[in-house]
């Protein structure tokens, strides 16, 4: 699957906007993906992306262009070829 970061979030991932993710499980959920991202991709300031087990308020999550809230939130299933996009709606001004 692919994990994309937009809206400034890429700065937390070493300025890389797109990551190929290979998880060794048949049943991947957004929650499992977030754990993997925390352990493997986040380079700094985890609190700017995560709050507890979820993303912090102000971060949109899209799975194949669909809002994750409509797909089950943390329990939303993710398949091998899916694209998960994290977009920050909070910007400085």
PDB file of N, CA and C in Angstrom:
ATOM      1  N   UNK A   1       0.848  -1.166   0.000  1.00  0.00           N
ATOM      2  CA  UNK A   1       0.000   0.000   0.000  1.00  0.00           C
ATOM      3  C   UNK A   1       0.890   1.223   0.000  1.00  0.00           C
ATOM      4  N   UNK A   2       0.292   2.357  -0.249  1.00  0.00           N
ATOM      5  CA  UNK A   2       1.024   3.614  -0.276  1.00  0.00           C
ATOM      6  C   UNK A   2       0.476   4.550   0.779  1.00  0.00           C
ATOM      7  N   UNK A   3       1.356   5.210   1.500  1.00  0.00           N
ATOM      8  CA  UNK A   3       0.967   6.231   2.478  1.00  0.00           C
ATOM      9  C   UNK A   3       1.519   7.566   1.992  1.00  0.00           C
ATOM     10  N   UNK A   4       0.634   8.537   1.841  1.00  0.00           N
ATOM     11  CA  UNK A   4       0.999   9.858   1.344  1.00  0.00           C
ATOM     12  C   UNK A   4       0.759  10.887   2.437  1.00  0.00           C
ATOM     13  N   UNK A   5       1.607  11.894   2.507  1.00  0.00           N
ATOM     14  CA  UNK A   5       1.404  12.989   3.460  1.00  0.00           C
ATOM     15  C   UNK A   5       1.383  14.303   2.693  1.00  0.00           C
ATOM     16  N   UNK A   6       0.426  15.166   3.064  1.00  0.00           N
ATOM     17  CA  UNK A   6       0.233  16.439   2.368  1.00  0.00           C
ATOM     18  C   UNK A   6      -0.024  17.551   3.382  1.00  0.00           C
ATOM     19  N   UNK A   7      -0.046  18.765   2.900  1.00  0.00           N
ATOM     20  CA  UNK A   7      -0.394  19.907   3.740  1.00  0.00           C
ATOM     21  C   UNK A   7       0.640  20.240   4.798  1.00  0.00           C
ATOM     22  N   UNK A   8       1.893  19.886   4.549  1.00  0.00           N
ATOM     23  CA  UNK A   8       2.955  20.152   5.510  1.00  0.00           C
ATOM     24  C   UNK A   8       3.338  18.957   6.359  1.00  0.00           C
ATOM     25  N   UNK A   9       2.506  17.920   6.393  1.00  0.00           N
ATOM     26  CA  UNK A   9       2.835  16.737   7.197  1.00  0.00           C
ATOM     27  C   UNK A   9       4.098  16.042   6.714  1.00  0.00           C
ATOM     28  N   UNK A  10       4.421  16.205   5.446  1.00  0.00           N
ATOM     29  CA  UNK A  10       5.612  15.539   4.916  1.00  0.00           C
ATOM     30  C   UNK A  10       6.879  15.961   5.655  1.00  0.00           C
ATOM     31  N   UNK A  11       6.860  17.138   6.281  1.00  0.00           N
ATOM     32  CA  UNK A  11       8.024  17.597   7.045  1.00  0.00           C
ATOM     33  C   UNK A  11       8.308  16.691   8.240  1.00  0.00           C
ATOM     34  N   UNK A  12       7.269  16.027   8.750  1.00  0.00           N
ATOM     35  CA  UNK A  12       7.440  15.103   9.873  1.00  0.00           C
ATOM     36  C   UNK A  12       8.009  13.761   9.425  1.00  0.00           C
ATOM     37  N   UNK A  13       8.008  13.546   8.102  1.00  0.00           N
ATOM     38  CA  UNK A  13       8.465  12.286   7.526  1.00  0.00           C
ATOM     39  C   UNK A  13       9.727  12.488   6.691  1.00  0.00           C
ATOM     40  N   UNK A  14      10.591  13.380   7.140  1.00  0.00           N
ATOM     41  CA  UNK A  14      11.836  13.624   6.430  1.00  0.00           C
ATOM     42  C   UNK A  14      11.636  14.275   5.077  1.00  0.00           C
ATOM     43  N   UNK A  15      10.569  15.048   4.924  1.00  0.00           N
ATOM     44  CA  UNK A  15      10.217  15.752   3.678  1.00  0.00           C
ATOM     45  C   UNK A  15       9.892  14.808   2.526  1.00  0.00           C
ATOM     46  N   UNK A  16       9.545  13.570   2.841  1.00  0.00           N
ATOM     47  CA  UNK A  16       9.134  12.599   1.827  1.00  0.00           C
ATOM     48  C   UNK A  16       7.611  12.532   1.840  1.00  0.00           C
ATOM     49  N   UNK A  17       6.992  12.738   0.670  1.00  0.00           N
ATOM     50  CA  UNK A  17       5.531  12.797   0.589  1.00  0.00           C
ATOM     51  C   UNK A  17       4.873  11.439   0.375  1.00  0.00           C
ATOM     52  N   UNK A  18       5.606  10.473  -0.155  1.00  0.00           N
ATOM     53  CA  UNK A  18       4.991   9.193  -0.498  1.00  0.00           C
ATOM     54  C   UNK A  18       5.884   8.054  -0.012  1.00  0.00           C
ATOM     55  N   UNK A  19       5.273   7.104   0.696  1.00  0.00           N
ATOM     56  CA  UNK A  19       6.002   5.958   1.238  1.00  0.00           C
ATOM     57  C   UNK A  19       5.297   4.672   0.830  1.00  0.00           C
ATOM     58  N   UNK A  20       6.067   3.718   0.340  1.00  0.00           N
ATOM     59  CA  UNK A  20       5.507   2.393   0.101  1.00  0.00           C
ATOM     60  C   UNK A  20       5.555   1.637   1.425  1.00  0.00           C
ATOM     61  N   UNK A  21       4.420   1.060   1.806  1.00  0.00           N
ATOM     62  CA  UNK A  21       4.297   0.372   3.089  1.00  0.00           C
ATOM     63  C   UNK A  21       4.031  -1.100   2.822  1.00  0.00           C
ATOM     64  N   UNK A  22       4.814  -1.961   3.432  1.00  0.00           N
ATOM     65  CA  UNK A  22       4.648  -3.401   3.274  1.00  0.00           C
ATOM     66  C   UNK A  22       4.465  -4.019   4.655  1.00  0.00           C
ATOM     67  N   UNK A  23       3.210  -4.271   5.019  1.00  0.00           N
ATOM     68  CA  UNK A  23       2.905  -4.871   6.317  1.00  0.00           C
ATOM     69  C   UNK A  23       2.655  -6.358   6.136  1.00  0.00           C
ATOM     70  N   UNK A  24       3.164  -7.151   7.063  1.00  0.00           N
ATOM     71  CA  UNK A  24       3.073  -8.607   6.968  1.00  0.00           C
ATOM     72  C   UNK A  24       1.828  -9.169   7.633  1.00  0.00           C
ATOM     73  N   UNK A  25       0.693  -8.609   7.322  1.00  0.00           N
ATOM     74  CA  UNK A  25      -0.542  -9.096   7.928  1.00  0.00           C
ATOM     75  C   UNK A  25      -1.638  -9.109   6.875  1.00  0.00           C
ATOM     76  N   UNK A  26      -2.540 -10.058   6.994  1.00  0.00           N
ATOM     77  CA  UNK A  26      -3.650 -10.140   6.045  1.00  0.00           C
ATOM     78  C   UNK A  26      -4.748  -9.140   6.361  1.00  0.00           C
ATOM     79  N   UNK A  27      -4.882  -8.770   7.620  1.00  0.00           N
ATOM     80  CA  UNK A  27      -5.951  -7.867   8.029  1.00  0.00           C
ATOM     81  C   UNK A  27      -5.353  -6.566   8.547  1.00  0.00           C
ATOM     82  N   UNK A  28      -5.130  -5.643   7.636  1.00  0.00           N
ATOM     83  CA  UNK A  28      -4.563  -4.347   7.990  1.00  0.00           C
ATOM     84  C   UNK A  28      -5.700  -3.366   8.219  1.00  0.00           C
ATOM     85  N   UNK A  29      -5.585  -2.602   9.290  1.00  0.00           N
ATOM     86  CA  UNK A  29      -6.539  -1.533   9.575  1.00  0.00           C
ATOM     87  C   UNK A  29      -5.766  -0.219   9.667  1.00  0.00           C
ATOM     88  N   UNK A  30      -6.492   0.878   9.662  1.00  0.00           N
ATOM     89  CA  UNK A  30      -5.838   2.173   9.827  1.00  0.00           C
ATOM     90  C   UNK A  30      -5.086   2.208  11.153  1.00  0.00           C
ATOM     91  N   UNK A  31      -5.660   1.638  12.187  1.00  0.00           N
ATOM     92  CA  UNK A  31      -4.988   1.631  13.491  1.00  0.00           C
ATOM     93  C   UNK A  31      -3.627   0.938  13.408  1.00  0.00           C
ATOM     94  N   UNK A  32      -3.563  -0.213  12.751  1.00  0.00           N
ATOM     95  CA  UNK A  32      -2.287  -0.926  12.595  1.00  0.00           C
ATOM     96  C   UNK A  32      -1.311  -0.131  11.736  1.00  0.00           C
ATOM     97  N   UNK A  33      -1.832   0.538  10.713  1.00  0.00           N
ATOM     98  CA  UNK A  33      -0.980   1.372   9.873  1.00  0.00           C
ATOM     99  C   UNK A  33      -0.381   2.524  10.671  1.00  0.00           C
ATOM    100  N   UNK A  34      -1.181   3.150  11.533  1.00  0.00           N
ATOM    101  CA  UNK A  34      -0.677   4.260  12.341  1.00  0.00           C
ATOM    102  C   UNK A  34       0.424   3.811  13.298  1.00  0.00           C
ATOM    103  N   UNK A  35       0.289   2.624  13.860  1.00  0.00           N
ATOM    104  CA  UNK A  35       1.346   2.082  14.726  1.00  0.00           C
ATOM    105  C   UNK A  35       2.624   1.898  13.912  1.00  0.00           C
ATOM    106  N   UNK A  36       2.489   1.322  12.720  1.00  0.00           N
ATOM    107  CA  UNK A  36       3.655   1.096  11.862  1.00  0.00           C
ATOM    108  C   UNK A  36       4.300   2.425  11.475  1.00  0.00           C
ATOM    109  N   UNK A  37       3.488   3.413  11.139  1.00  0.00           N
ATOM    110  CA  UNK A  37       4.013   4.734  10.776  1.00  0.00           C
ATOM    111  C   UNK A  37       4.774   5.340  11.948  1.00  0.00           C
ATOM    112  N   UNK A  38       4.200   5.261  13.153  1.00  0.00           N
ATOM    113  CA  UNK A  38       4.876   5.811  14.334  1.00  0.00           C
ATOM    114  C   UNK A  38       6.234   5.139  14.547  1.00  0.00           C
ATOM    115  N   UNK A  39       6.292   3.828  14.375  1.00  0.00           N
ATOM    116  CA  UNK A  39       7.520   3.082  14.650  1.00  0.00           C
ATOM    117  C   UNK A  39       8.553   3.152  13.522  1.00  0.00           C
ATOM    118  N   UNK A  40       8.104   3.427  12.294  1.00  0.00           N
ATOM    119  CA  UNK A  40       9.012   3.319  11.154  1.00  0.00           C
ATOM    120  C   UNK A  40       9.222   4.583  10.328  1.00  0.00           C
ATOM    121  N   UNK A  41       8.261   5.483  10.312  1.00  0.00           N
ATOM    122  CA  UNK A  41       8.363   6.624   9.401  1.00  0.00           C
ATOM    123  C   UNK A  41       8.512   7.982  10.058  1.00  0.00           C
ATOM    124  N   UNK A  42       7.850   8.186  11.178  1.00  0.00           N
ATOM    125  CA  UNK A  42       7.879   9.513  11.798  1.00  0.00           C
ATOM    126  C   UNK A  42       9.294   9.858  12.238  1.00  0.00           C
ATOM    127  N   UNK A  43       9.794  10.966  11.746  1.00  0.00           N
ATOM    128  CA  UNK A  43      11.161  11.378  12.052  1.00  0.00           C
ATOM    129  C   UNK A  43      11.226  12.326  13.241  1.00  0.00           C
ATOM    130  N   UNK A  44      10.170  13.094  13.462  1.00  0.00           N
ATOM    131  CA  UNK A  44      10.182  14.072  14.552  1.00  0.00           C
ATOM    132  C   UNK A  44       8.758  14.476  14.908  1.00  0.00           C
ATOM    133  N   UNK A  45       8.593  15.062  16.060  1.00  0.00           N
ATOM    134  CA  UNK A  45       7.345  15.654  16.556  1.00  0.00           C
ATOM    135  C   UNK A  45       6.100  14.793  16.297  1.00  0.00           C
ATOM    136  N   UNK A  46       6.094  13.606  16.855  1.00  0.00           N
ATOM    137  CA  UNK A  46       4.957  12.703  16.691  1.00  0.00           C
ATOM    138  C   UNK A  46       3.647  13.350  17.094  1.00  0.00           C
ATOM    139  N   UNK A  47       3.697  14.240  18.087  1.00  0.00           N
ATOM    140  CA  UNK A  47       2.475  14.883  18.586  1.00  0.00           C
ATOM    141  C   UNK A  47       1.821  15.780  17.534  1.00  0.00           C
ATOM    142  N   UNK A  48       2.538  16.129  16.481  1.00  0.00           N
ATOM    143  CA  UNK A  48       1.959  16.938  15.408  1.00  0.00           C
ATOM    144  C   UNK A  48       1.127  16.091  14.449  1.00  0.00           C
ATOM    145  N   UNK A  49       1.296  14.768  14.530  1.00  0.00           N
ATOM    146  CA  UNK A  49       0.576  13.853  13.650  1.00  0.00           C
ATOM    147  C   UNK A  49      -0.374  12.938  14.419  1.00  0.00           C
ATOM    148  N   UNK A  50       0.069  12.459  15.571  1.00  0.00           N
ATOM    149  CA  UNK A  50      -0.708  11.484  16.335  1.00  0.00           C
ATOM    150  C   UNK A  50      -1.181  12.051  17.663  1.00  0.00           C
ATOM    151  N   UNK A  51      -2.341  11.579  18.077  1.00  0.00           N
ATOM    152  CA  UNK A  51      -2.862  11.865  19.417  1.00  0.00           C
ATOM    153  C   UNK A  51      -3.451  10.557  19.932  1.00  0.00           C
ATOM    154  N   UNK A  52      -2.752   9.945  20.878  1.00  0.00           N
ATOM    155  CA  UNK A  52      -3.168   8.623  21.344  1.00  0.00           C
ATOM    156  C   UNK A  52      -2.984   7.607  20.230  1.00  0.00           C
ATOM    157  N   UNK A  53      -4.019   6.826  19.960  1.00  0.00           N
ATOM    158  CA  UNK A  53      -3.969   5.803  18.916  1.00  0.00           C
ATOM    159  C   UNK A  53      -4.391   6.322  17.551  1.00  0.00           C
ATOM    160  N   UNK A  54      -4.812   7.567  17.477  1.00  0.00           N
ATOM    161  CA  UNK A  54      -5.370   8.107  16.241  1.00  0.00           C
ATOM    162  C   UNK A  54      -4.538   9.289  15.743  1.00  0.00           C
ATOM    163  N   UNK A  55      -4.964   9.853  14.626  1.00  0.00           N
ATOM    164  CA  UNK A  55      -4.342  11.091  14.160  1.00  0.00           C
ATOM    165  C   UNK A  55      -4.912  12.234  14.975  1.00  0.00           C
ATOM    166  N   UNK A  56      -4.171  13.307  15.068  1.00  0.00           N
ATOM    167  CA  UNK A  56      -4.643  14.459  15.842  1.00  0.00           C
ATOM    168  C   UNK A  56      -5.754  15.179  15.078  1.00  0.00           C
ATOM    169  N   UNK A  57      -6.598  15.913  15.785  1.00  0.00           N
ATOM    170  CA  UNK A  57      -7.629  16.703  15.110  1.00  0.00           C
ATOM    171  C   UNK A  57      -6.978  17.638  14.088  1.00  0.00           C
ATOM    172  N   UNK A  58      -7.616  17.772  12.947  1.00  0.00           N
ATOM    173  CA  UNK A  58      -7.078  18.611  11.885  1.00  0.00           C
ATOM    174  C   UNK A  58      -6.331  17.835  10.819  1.00  0.00           C
ATOM    175  N   UNK A  59      -6.231  16.509  10.984  1.00  0.00           N
ATOM    176  CA  UNK A  59      -5.606  15.667   9.966  1.00  0.00           C
ATOM    177  C   UNK A  59      -6.707  14.838   9.303  1.00  0.00           C
ATOM    178  N   UNK A  60      -6.892  15.057   8.012  1.00  0.00           N
ATOM    179  CA  UNK A  60      -7.849  14.263   7.243  1.00  0.00           C
ATOM    180  C   UNK A  60      -7.173  12.973   6.808  1.00  0.00           C
ATOM    181  N   UNK A  61      -7.943  11.886   6.799  1.00  0.00           N
ATOM    182  CA  UNK A  61      -7.424  10.605   6.331  1.00  0.00           C
ATOM    183  C   UNK A  61      -8.334  10.126   5.210  1.00  0.00           C
ATOM    184  N   UNK A  62      -7.743   9.876   4.054  1.00  0.00           N
ATOM    185  CA  UNK A  62      -8.487   9.379   2.899  1.00  0.00           C
ATOM    186  C   UNK A  62      -7.926   8.028   2.493  1.00  0.00           C
ATOM    187  N   UNK A  63      -8.820   7.071   2.284  1.00  0.00           N
ATOM    188  CA  UNK A  63      -8.434   5.755   1.788  1.00  0.00           C
ATOM    189  C   UNK A  63      -9.016   5.632   0.392  1.00  0.00           C
ATOM    190  N   UNK A  64      -8.148   5.595  -0.607  1.00  0.00           N
ATOM    191  CA  UNK A  64      -8.596   5.580  -2.006  1.00  0.00           C
ATOM    192  C   UNK A  64      -9.582   6.709  -2.284  1.00  0.00           C
ATOM    193  N   UNK A  65      -9.278   7.892  -1.766  1.00  0.00           N
ATOM    194  CA  UNK A  65     -10.067   9.122  -1.948  1.00  0.00           C
ATOM    195  C   UNK A  65     -11.378   9.145  -1.169  1.00  0.00           C
ATOM    196  N   UNK A  66     -11.606   8.203  -0.264  1.00  0.00           N
ATOM    197  CA  UNK A  66     -12.808   8.192   0.579  1.00  0.00           C
ATOM    198  C   UNK A  66     -12.423   8.522   2.023  1.00  0.00           C
ATOM    199  N   UNK A  67     -13.248   9.313   2.665  1.00  0.00           N
ATOM    200  CA  UNK A  67     -13.025   9.691   4.061  1.00  0.00           C
ATOM    201  C   UNK A  67     -13.054   8.444   4.942  1.00  0.00           C
ATOM    202  N   UNK A  68     -12.025   8.274   5.750  1.00  0.00           N
ATOM    203  CA  UNK A  68     -11.931   7.089   6.609  1.00  0.00           C
ATOM    204  C   UNK A  68     -13.067   7.001   7.606  1.00  0.00           C
ATOM    205  N   UNK A  69     -13.667   8.123   7.965  1.00  0.00           N
ATOM    206  CA  UNK A  69     -14.784   8.121   8.917  1.00  0.00           C
ATOM    207  C   UNK A  69     -15.971   7.350   8.340  1.00  0.00           C
ATOM    208  N   UNK A  70     -16.116   7.355   7.019  1.00  0.00           N
ATOM    209  CA  UNK A  70     -17.202   6.621   6.371  1.00  0.00           C
ATOM    210  C   UNK A  70     -16.874   5.143   6.216  1.00  0.00           C
ATOM    211  N   UNK A  71     -15.620   4.783   6.435  1.00  0.00           N
ATOM    212  CA  UNK A  71     -15.175   3.415   6.192  1.00  0.00           C
ATOM    213  C   UNK A  71     -14.876   2.635   7.465  1.00  0.00           C
ATOM    214  N   UNK A  72     -15.059   3.272   8.630  1.00  0.00           N
ATOM    215  CA  UNK A  72     -14.832   2.548   9.873  1.00  0.00           C
ATOM    216  C   UNK A  72     -13.800   3.163  10.790  1.00  0.00           C
ATOM    217  N   UNK A  73     -13.304   4.354  10.445  1.00  0.00           N
ATOM    218  CA  UNK A  73     -12.367   5.090  11.299  1.00  0.00           C
ATOM    219  C   UNK A  73     -11.123   4.241  11.542  1.00  0.00           C
ATOM    220  N   UNK A  74     -10.725   3.990  12.770  1.00  0.00           N
ATOM    221  CA  UNK A  74      -9.512   3.220  13.061  1.00  0.00           C
ATOM    222  C   UNK A  74      -9.603   1.771  12.599  1.00  0.00           C
ATOM    223  N   UNK A  75     -10.819   1.254  12.517  1.00  0.00           N
ATOM    224  CA  UNK A  75     -11.004  -0.138  12.098  1.00  0.00           C
ATOM    225  C   UNK A  75     -11.186  -0.278  10.591  1.00  0.00           C
ATOM    226  N   UNK A  76     -11.068   0.818   9.850  1.00  0.00           N
ATOM    227  CA  UNK A  76     -11.213   0.765   8.392  1.00  0.00           C
ATOM    228  C   UNK A  76     -10.168  -0.184   7.808  1.00  0.00           C
ATOM    229  N   UNK A  77     -10.613  -1.140   6.993  1.00  0.00           N
ATOM    230  CA  UNK A  77      -9.663  -2.086   6.409  1.00  0.00           C
ATOM    231  C   UNK A  77      -8.859  -1.446   5.284  1.00  0.00           C
ATOM    232  N   UNK A  78      -7.613  -1.878   5.162  1.00  0.00           N
ATOM    233  CA  UNK A  78      -6.739  -1.413   4.095  1.00  0.00           C
ATOM    234  C   UNK A  78      -6.209  -2.639   3.363  1.00  0.00           C
ATOM    235  N   UNK A  79      -6.279  -2.582   2.040  1.00  0.00           N
ATOM    236  CA  UNK A  79      -5.796  -3.695   1.218  1.00  0.00           C
ATOM    237  C   UNK A  79      -4.436  -3.353   0.610  1.00  0.00           C
ATOM    238  N   UNK A  80      -3.813  -4.344   0.030  1.00  0.00           N
ATOM    239  CA  UNK A  80      -2.447  -4.240  -0.471  1.00  0.00           C
ATOM    240  C   UNK A  80      -2.223  -3.081  -1.442  1.00  0.00           C
ATOM    241  N   UNK A  81      -3.109  -2.849  -2.368  1.00  0.00           N
ATOM    242  CA  UNK A  81      -2.903  -1.822  -3.400  1.00  0.00           C
ATOM    243  C   UNK A  81      -3.555  -0.488  -3.051  1.00  0.00           C
ATOM    244  N   UNK A  82      -4.064  -0.340  -1.837  1.00  0.00           N
ATOM    245  CA  UNK A  82      -4.751   0.890  -1.441  1.00  0.00           C
ATOM    246  C   UNK A  82      -3.781   2.054  -1.283  1.00  0.00           C
ATOM    247  N   UNK A  83      -4.351   3.244  -1.372  1.00  0.00           N
ATOM    248  CA  UNK A  83      -3.611   4.480  -1.145  1.00  0.00           C
ATOM    249  C   UNK A  83      -4.243   5.192   0.042  1.00  0.00           C
ATOM    250  N   UNK A  84      -3.436   5.491   1.044  1.00  0.00           N
ATOM    251  CA  UNK A  84      -3.911   6.196   2.235  1.00  0.00           C
ATOM    252  C   UNK A  84      -3.220   7.559   2.257  1.00  0.00           C
ATOM    253  N   UNK A  85      -4.029   8.620   2.310  1.00  0.00           N
ATOM    254  CA  UNK A  85      -3.497   9.980   2.269  1.00  0.00           C
ATOM    255  C   UNK A  85      -3.827  10.679   3.579  1.00  0.00           C
ATOM    256  N   UNK A  86      -2.828  11.306   4.167  1.00  0.00           N
ATOM    257  CA  UNK A  86      -2.986  12.101   5.382  1.00  0.00           C
ATOM    258  C   UNK A  86      -2.771  13.558   4.995  1.00  0.00           C
ATOM    259  N   UNK A  87      -3.767  14.402   5.275  1.00  0.00           N
ATOM    260  CA  UNK A  87      -3.703  15.811   4.888  1.00  0.00           C
ATOM    261  C   UNK A  87      -3.921  16.680   6.116  1.00  0.00           C
ATOM    262  N   UNK A  88      -2.982  17.566   6.371  1.00  0.00           N
ATOM    263  CA  UNK A  88      -3.150  18.515   7.469  1.00  0.00           C
ATOM    264  C   UNK A  88      -4.021  19.667   6.996  1.00  0.00           C
ATOM    265  N   UNK A  89      -5.032  19.997   7.795  1.00  0.00           N
ATOM    266  CA  UNK A  89      -5.877  21.151   7.477  1.00  0.00           C
ATOM    267  C   UNK A  89      -5.448  22.365   8.282  1.00  0.00           C
ATOM    268  N   UNK A  90      -4.423  22.211   9.107  1.00  0.00           N
ATOM    269  CA  UNK A  90      -3.939  23.301   9.951  1.00  0.00           C
ATOM    270  C   UNK A  90      -2.689  23.900   9.329  1.00  0.00           C
ATOM    271  N   UNK A  91      -2.770  25.174   9.006  1.00  0.00           N
ATOM    272  CA  UNK A  91      -1.648  25.854   8.364  1.00  0.00           C
ATOM    273  C   UNK A  91      -1.363  27.151   9.091  1.00  0.00           C
ATOM    274  N   UNK A  92      -0.118  27.519   9.116  1.00  0.00           N
ATOM    275  CA  UNK A  92       0.253  28.810   9.695  1.00  0.00           C
ATOM    276  C   UNK A  92      -0.157  29.946   8.768  1.00  0.00           C
ATOM    277  N   UNK A  93      -0.218  31.123   9.309  1.00  0.00           N
ATOM    278  CA  UNK A  93      -0.652  32.213   8.442  1.00  0.00           C
ATOM    279  C   UNK A  93      -0.019  33.515   8.788  1.00  0.00           C
TER     280      UNK A  93
END
